[in-house]
């Protein structure tokens, strides 16, 4: 009987404050969707880092003829075969190095030509202009500085470059998007809290006569407050369900449209989205319940 009464009171409250309830549902949905998107962006960045950092290499470039005229580091001319072998000997003795592959000038020119077939410089630049290099794969890609300090300035070495730097701009952009989503999420959660507080206040005021009668017949605080708390939690539950739907729609778009066009990114799967959804539901309902509880302590006094 008590459960039936609580459910009927929830229905009455939702009908009396329909417009404000809709506002609560929408604001909670948007804030939770942004919260879920922020968590998914974090997972996406971590997944991409794990995937790409495992593939990036450190390149040790050797001096060419053109470098001998333009770079003080290569003032002694083209790197000799012995200098190239000396670098290989040091690499083989470093536990940090997983593997190393030599790329000749001809191989570097072919790779550049394959990746930039329309570049007008190809007609003016020959294979001799492309530097020879050791392409080094590390057990721990974050320890690039060890290779940098070991070979920078060595005879015949023009430069030591870390491919990881190329990815930092992309990861920086994604981290920026995550931070922006987090800031907007906090603002939306604050708006949602204000709407929940106002909705509960209006609902409590519109039913002050009923709650006064319940007090007179000896109803406990919990019994009086429960319909209002449940009403706010139900609105938050609807918002969380809507937010979950938005995340699933976003995942469908990414997997069916974006993934086929952006193939260099390994997107996170449906399991990551499904793992976030229960958290959104718990956070949404808890936020609404707590906000309603403290609001009622102040405004539901007879």
Protein backbone atom coordinates (compact mmCIF):
# COMPACT_ATOMS: atom_id res chain seq x y z
CA UNK A 1 0.00 0.00 0.00
CA UNK A 2 2.82 2.39 0.88
CA UNK A 3 4.65 1.62 -2.36
CA UNK A 4 1.48 2.29 -4.32
CA UNK A 5 1.07 5.62 -2.52
CA UNK A 6 4.66 6.65 -3.28
CA UNK A 7 4.25 5.75 -6.95
CA UNK A 8 0.99 7.68 -7.20
CA UNK A 9 2.62 10.72 -5.60
CA UNK A 10 5.49 10.52 -8.08
CA UNK A 11 2.97 10.56 -10.92
CA UNK A 12 1.14 13.53 -9.40
CA UNK A 13 4.38 15.46 -8.97
CA UNK A 14 5.55 14.79 -12.51
CA UNK A 15 2.22 15.91 -13.96
CA UNK A 16 2.03 19.09 -11.87
CA UNK A 17 5.57 20.17 -12.81
CA UNK A 18 5.77 18.69 -16.29
CA UNK A 19 7.70 21.53 -17.92
CA UNK A 20 10.26 21.73 -15.13
CA UNK A 21 10.59 17.94 -15.11
CA UNK A 22 11.30 17.99 -18.85
CA UNK A 23 13.93 20.69 -18.23
CA UNK A 24 15.52 18.52 -15.53
CA UNK A 25 15.54 15.46 -17.80
CA UNK A 26 17.13 17.37 -20.69
CA UNK A 27 19.76 19.11 -18.56
CA UNK A 28 20.68 15.90 -16.74
CA UNK A 29 20.86 14.07 -20.08
CA UNK A 30 23.18 16.66 -21.62
CA UNK A 31 25.44 16.89 -18.57
CA UNK A 32 25.71 13.11 -18.20
CA UNK A 33 26.26 12.68 -21.95
CA UNK A 34 29.14 15.14 -21.73
CA UNK A 35 30.46 13.31 -18.67
CA UNK A 36 30.32 10.00 -20.53
CA UNK A 37 31.90 11.56 -23.62
CA UNK A 38 34.72 12.94 -21.48
CA UNK A 39 35.40 9.50 -20.02
CA UNK A 40 35.29 7.91 -23.47
CA UNK A 41 37.68 10.51 -24.91
CA UNK A 42 40.09 9.69 -22.08
CA UNK A 43 39.82 5.97 -22.90
CA UNK A 44 40.27 6.76 -26.60
CA UNK A 45 43.43 8.79 -25.97
CA UNK A 46 44.88 6.06 -23.74
CA UNK A 47 44.02 3.41 -26.35
CA UNK A 48 45.64 5.44 -29.12
CA UNK A 49 48.74 6.06 -27.04
CA UNK A 50 49.10 2.37 -26.30
CA UNK A 51 48.57 1.50 -29.97
CA UNK A 52 50.74 4.15 -31.62
CA UNK A 53 53.50 4.46 -29.04
CA UNK A 54 54.12 0.77 -29.53
CA UNK A 55 54.68 1.41 -33.24
CA UNK A 56 56.68 4.64 -33.28
CA UNK A 57 60.40 4.58 -33.87
CA UNK A 58 63.40 6.76 -33.19
CA UNK A 59 65.27 7.68 -36.36
CA UNK A 60 69.01 8.38 -36.38
CA UNK A 61 69.73 10.34 -39.55
CA UNK A 62 73.20 10.51 -41.12
CA UNK A 63 74.82 13.37 -43.00
CA UNK A 64 74.38 13.75 -46.77
CA UNK A 65 76.26 15.86 -49.32
CA UNK A 66 73.83 18.75 -49.00
CA UNK A 67 74.07 18.60 -45.21
CA UNK A 68 77.85 19.02 -45.44
CA UNK A 69 77.31 22.50 -46.90
CA UNK A 70 74.34 23.56 -44.79
CA UNK A 71 74.93 22.04 -41.35
CA UNK A 72 77.84 22.57 -38.97
CA UNK A 73 77.16 19.14 -37.52
CA UNK A 74 77.97 17.62 -40.91
CA UNK A 75 81.00 19.79 -41.69
CA UNK A 76 83.17 16.68 -42.19
CA UNK A 77 81.01 15.51 -45.10
CA UNK A 78 78.92 12.45 -45.84
CA UNK A 79 78.69 9.84 -43.11
CA UNK A 80 81.04 6.95 -43.74
CA UNK A 81 80.17 3.27 -43.64
CA UNK A 82 82.30 2.90 -40.53
CA UNK A 83 80.41 5.65 -38.72
CA UNK A 84 77.14 3.94 -39.60
CA UNK A 85 78.47 0.62 -38.32
CA UNK A 86 79.69 2.24 -35.10
CA UNK A 87 76.20 3.49 -34.40
CA UNK A 88 74.83 0.00 -35.01
CA UNK A 89 77.37 -1.49 -32.60
CA UNK A 90 76.28 0.88 -29.84
CA UNK A 91 72.60 0.20 -30.54
CA UNK A 92 73.14 -3.56 -30.27
CA UNK A 93 74.63 -3.07 -26.81
CA UNK A 94 71.70 -1.05 -25.43
CA UNK A 95 69.06 -3.07 -23.50
CA UNK A 96 66.51 -0.35 -24.28
CA UNK A 97 66.66 -1.12 -28.01
CA UNK A 98 64.19 -3.76 -29.18
CA UNK A 99 65.24 -3.75 -32.84
CA UNK A 100 66.94 -1.53 -35.41
CA UNK A 101 66.50 -1.39 -39.18
CA UNK A 102 68.77 0.36 -41.64
CA UNK A 103 67.17 2.50 -44.35
CA UNK A 104 69.34 3.49 -47.30
CA UNK A 105 68.97 6.72 -49.26
CA UNK A 106 67.26 4.84 -52.11
CA UNK A 107 64.78 3.21 -49.71
CA UNK A 108 64.07 6.53 -48.02
CA UNK A 109 63.48 8.19 -51.41
CA UNK A 110 61.11 5.41 -52.49
CA UNK A 111 59.14 5.63 -49.24
CA UNK A 112 58.89 9.41 -49.53
CA UNK A 113 57.80 9.10 -53.16
CA UNK A 114 55.12 6.56 -52.25
CA UNK A 115 53.70 8.73 -49.48
CA UNK A 116 54.00 12.04 -51.39
CA UNK A 117 53.45 11.16 -55.07
CA UNK A 118 52.27 14.66 -56.03
CA UNK A 119 55.06 16.61 -54.36
CA UNK A 120 56.74 18.85 -56.98
CA UNK A 121 60.08 18.56 -55.17
CA UNK A 122 60.42 14.95 -56.31
CA UNK A 123 61.48 16.14 -59.78
CA UNK A 124 64.30 18.25 -58.35
CA UNK A 125 65.46 16.01 -55.53
CA UNK A 126 67.19 12.70 -56.11
CA UNK A 127 67.81 9.76 -53.86
CA UNK A 128 71.19 11.17 -52.80
CA UNK A 129 69.42 14.02 -51.01
CA UNK A 130 67.61 11.60 -48.69
CA UNK A 131 69.58 10.73 -45.54
CA UNK A 132 70.46 7.20 -44.56
CA UNK A 133 69.16 6.26 -41.15
CA UNK A 134 68.78 3.67 -38.45
CA UNK A 135 65.13 3.27 -37.50
CA UNK A 136 65.15 2.15 -33.88
CA UNK A 137 62.26 0.53 -32.01
CA UNK A 138 62.46 0.88 -28.23
CA UNK A 139 61.15 -1.36 -25.48
CA UNK A 140 59.93 1.80 -23.75
CA UNK A 141 59.14 4.58 -26.27
CA UNK A 142 59.05 7.20 -23.51
CA UNK A 143 62.84 6.87 -23.01
CA UNK A 144 63.71 8.59 -26.26
CA UNK A 145 66.08 10.91 -24.39
CA UNK A 146 68.49 8.00 -23.80
CA UNK A 147 68.95 7.55 -27.55
CA UNK A 148 69.09 11.31 -28.07
CA UNK A 149 71.90 11.79 -25.57
CA UNK A 150 73.80 8.73 -26.82
CA UNK A 151 73.99 9.70 -30.50
CA UNK A 152 73.35 13.43 -30.88
CA UNK A 153 76.62 15.07 -31.98
CA UNK A 154 78.34 11.81 -32.88
CA UNK A 155 80.50 11.85 -36.03
CA UNK A 156 78.36 11.41 -39.14
CA UNK A 157 75.04 11.79 -37.26
CA UNK A 158 72.92 14.70 -38.44
CA UNK A 159 70.01 14.39 -36.02
CA UNK A 160 68.02 12.04 -33.79
CA UNK A 161 64.25 12.36 -34.16
CA UNK A 162 61.41 10.78 -32.22
CA UNK A 163 58.29 9.97 -34.25
CA UNK A 164 56.33 10.24 -31.02
CA UNK A 165 56.50 14.02 -31.30
CA UNK A 166 54.37 13.84 -34.44
CA UNK A 167 51.57 12.28 -32.40
CA UNK A 168 51.80 14.71 -29.49
CA UNK A 169 49.83 17.40 -31.33
CA UNK A 170 47.00 14.94 -32.00
CA UNK A 171 46.96 13.74 -28.41
CA UNK A 172 47.15 17.35 -27.22
CA UNK A 173 44.08 18.19 -29.29
CA UNK A 174 42.17 15.22 -27.89
CA UNK A 175 43.19 16.10 -24.34
CA UNK A 176 42.02 19.66 -25.00
CA UNK A 177 38.66 18.37 -26.19
CA UNK A 178 38.42 16.23 -23.09
CA UNK A 179 39.17 19.23 -20.85
CA UNK A 180 36.58 21.34 -22.69
CA UNK A 181 33.99 18.58 -22.35
CA UNK A 182 34.78 18.34 -18.63
CA UNK A 183 34.30 22.09 -18.09
CA UNK A 184 31.00 22.11 -19.98
CA UNK A 185 29.93 19.00 -18.08
CA UNK A 186 30.55 20.72 -14.72
CA UNK A 187 28.51 23.73 -15.83
CA UNK A 188 25.67 21.53 -17.06
CA UNK A 189 25.68 19.52 -13.83
CA UNK A 190 25.42 22.76 -11.89
CA UNK A 191 22.46 23.85 -14.03
CA UNK A 192 20.86 20.42 -13.55
CA UNK A 193 21.29 20.70 -9.78
CA UNK A 194 19.63 24.11 -9.76
CA UNK A 195 16.72 22.77 -11.80
CA UNK A 196 16.34 19.78 -9.50
CA UNK A 197 16.34 22.04 -6.43
CA UNK A 198 13.75 24.36 -7.96
CA UNK A 199 11.58 21.48 -9.13
CA UNK A 200 11.59 19.92 -5.67
CA UNK A 201 10.82 23.32 -4.09
CA UNK A 202 7.86 23.91 -6.39
CA UNK A 203 6.61 20.37 -5.90
CA UNK A 204 6.88 20.65 -2.11
CA UNK A 205 5.09 24.00 -2.12
CA UNK A 206 2.25 22.75 -4.35
CA UNK A 207 1.66 19.78 -2.05
CA UNK A 208 2.19 21.49 1.30
CA UNK A 209 -1.40 20.76 2.34
CA UNK A 210 -1.05 17.02 1.72
CA UNK A 211 2.29 16.88 3.53
CA UNK A 212 0.80 18.84 6.44
CA UNK A 213 -1.98 16.27 6.81
CA UNK A 214 0.59 13.45 6.66
CA UNK A 215 2.51 15.13 9.47
CA UNK A 216 -0.65 15.42 11.58
CA UNK A 217 -1.43 11.71 11.23
CA UNK A 218 2.10 10.81 12.37
CA UNK A 219 3.92 10.11 9.11
CA UNK A 220 7.71 9.96 9.48
CA UNK A 221 10.07 12.38 7.74
CA UNK A 222 11.28 9.59 5.47
CA UNK A 223 7.74 8.70 4.41
CA UNK A 224 6.89 12.33 3.70
CA UNK A 225 10.09 13.04 1.78
CA UNK A 226 10.27 9.80 -0.18
CA UNK A 227 7.84 10.79 -3.00
CA UNK A 228 9.80 13.97 -3.70
CA UNK A 229 13.17 12.23 -3.64
CA UNK A 230 11.85 9.42 -5.83
CA UNK A 231 10.37 11.98 -8.22
CA UNK A 232 13.75 13.70 -8.65
CA UNK A 233 15.57 10.36 -8.96
CA UNK A 234 13.08 9.19 -11.61
CA UNK A 235 13.61 12.36 -13.64
CA UNK A 236 17.37 11.82 -13.36
CA UNK A 237 16.91 8.19 -14.42
CA UNK A 238 15.12 9.36 -17.57
CA UNK A 239 17.95 11.82 -18.19
CA UNK A 240 20.57 9.11 -17.72
CA UNK A 241 18.68 6.85 -20.13
CA UNK A 242 18.60 9.65 -22.69
CA UNK A 243 22.31 10.31 -22.16
CA UNK A 244 23.05 6.61 -22.65
CA UNK A 245 21.07 6.67 -25.89
CA UNK A 246 23.10 9.67 -27.10
CA UNK A 247 26.36 7.86 -26.35
CA UNK A 248 25.18 4.74 -28.19
CA UNK A 249 24.14 6.84 -31.19
CA UNK A 250 27.56 8.51 -31.13
CA UNK A 251 29.27 5.12 -31.02
CA UNK A 252 27.18 3.90 -33.94
CA UNK A 253 28.16 6.97 -35.98
CA UNK A 254 31.85 6.51 -35.16
CA UNK A 255 31.92 2.80 -36.00
CA UNK A 256 29.81 2.95 -39.17
CA UNK A 257 30.86 6.26 -40.69
CA UNK A 258 33.98 7.70 -39.10
CA UNK A 259 36.03 4.52 -38.63
CA UNK A 260 35.98 3.69 -42.37
CA UNK A 261 37.21 7.19 -43.24
CA UNK A 262 39.80 7.65 -40.49
CA UNK A 263 41.64 4.36 -40.60
CA UNK A 264 44.78 5.47 -38.77
CA UNK A 265 42.81 5.65 -35.48
CA UNK A 266 41.87 2.51 -33.60
CA UNK A 267 38.54 3.50 -32.05
CA UNK A 268 37.36 2.05 -28.74
CA UNK A 269 34.62 -0.57 -28.92
CA UNK A 270 31.07 -0.87 -27.66
CA UNK A 271 32.26 -2.46 -24.41
CA UNK A 272 33.79 0.88 -23.34
CA UNK A 273 30.47 2.65 -23.90
CA UNK A 274 28.52 -0.04 -22.04
CA UNK A 275 30.95 0.20 -19.12
CA UNK A 276 30.25 3.95 -18.78
CA UNK A 277 26.44 3.73 -18.89
CA UNK A 278 25.89 2.19 -15.38
CA UNK A 279 28.14 4.90 -13.92
CA UNK A 280 26.03 7.61 -15.55
CA UNK A 281 22.83 6.11 -14.14
CA UNK A 282 24.25 5.86 -10.61
CA UNK A 283 25.72 9.39 -10.70
CA UNK A 284 22.53 10.91 -12.12
CA UNK A 285 20.18 9.31 -9.61
CA UNK A 286 22.52 9.90 -6.67
CA UNK A 287 22.95 13.55 -7.62
CA UNK A 288 19.20 14.07 -7.89
CA UNK A 289 18.45 12.16 -4.68
CA UNK A 290 21.01 14.04 -2.60
CA UNK A 291 19.95 17.42 -4.00
CA UNK A 292 16.29 16.65 -3.27
CA UNK A 293 17.08 15.42 0.25
CA UNK A 294 18.91 18.57 1.32
CA UNK A 295 16.36 20.79 -0.40
CA UNK A 296 13.52 19.10 1.47
CA UNK A 297 15.27 19.56 4.83
CA UNK A 298 14.93 23.29 4.32
CA UNK A 299 11.68 23.69 2.44
CA UNK A 300 9.54 20.79 3.66
CA UNK A 301 8.77 22.01 7.15
CA UNK A 302 5.26 22.04 8.49
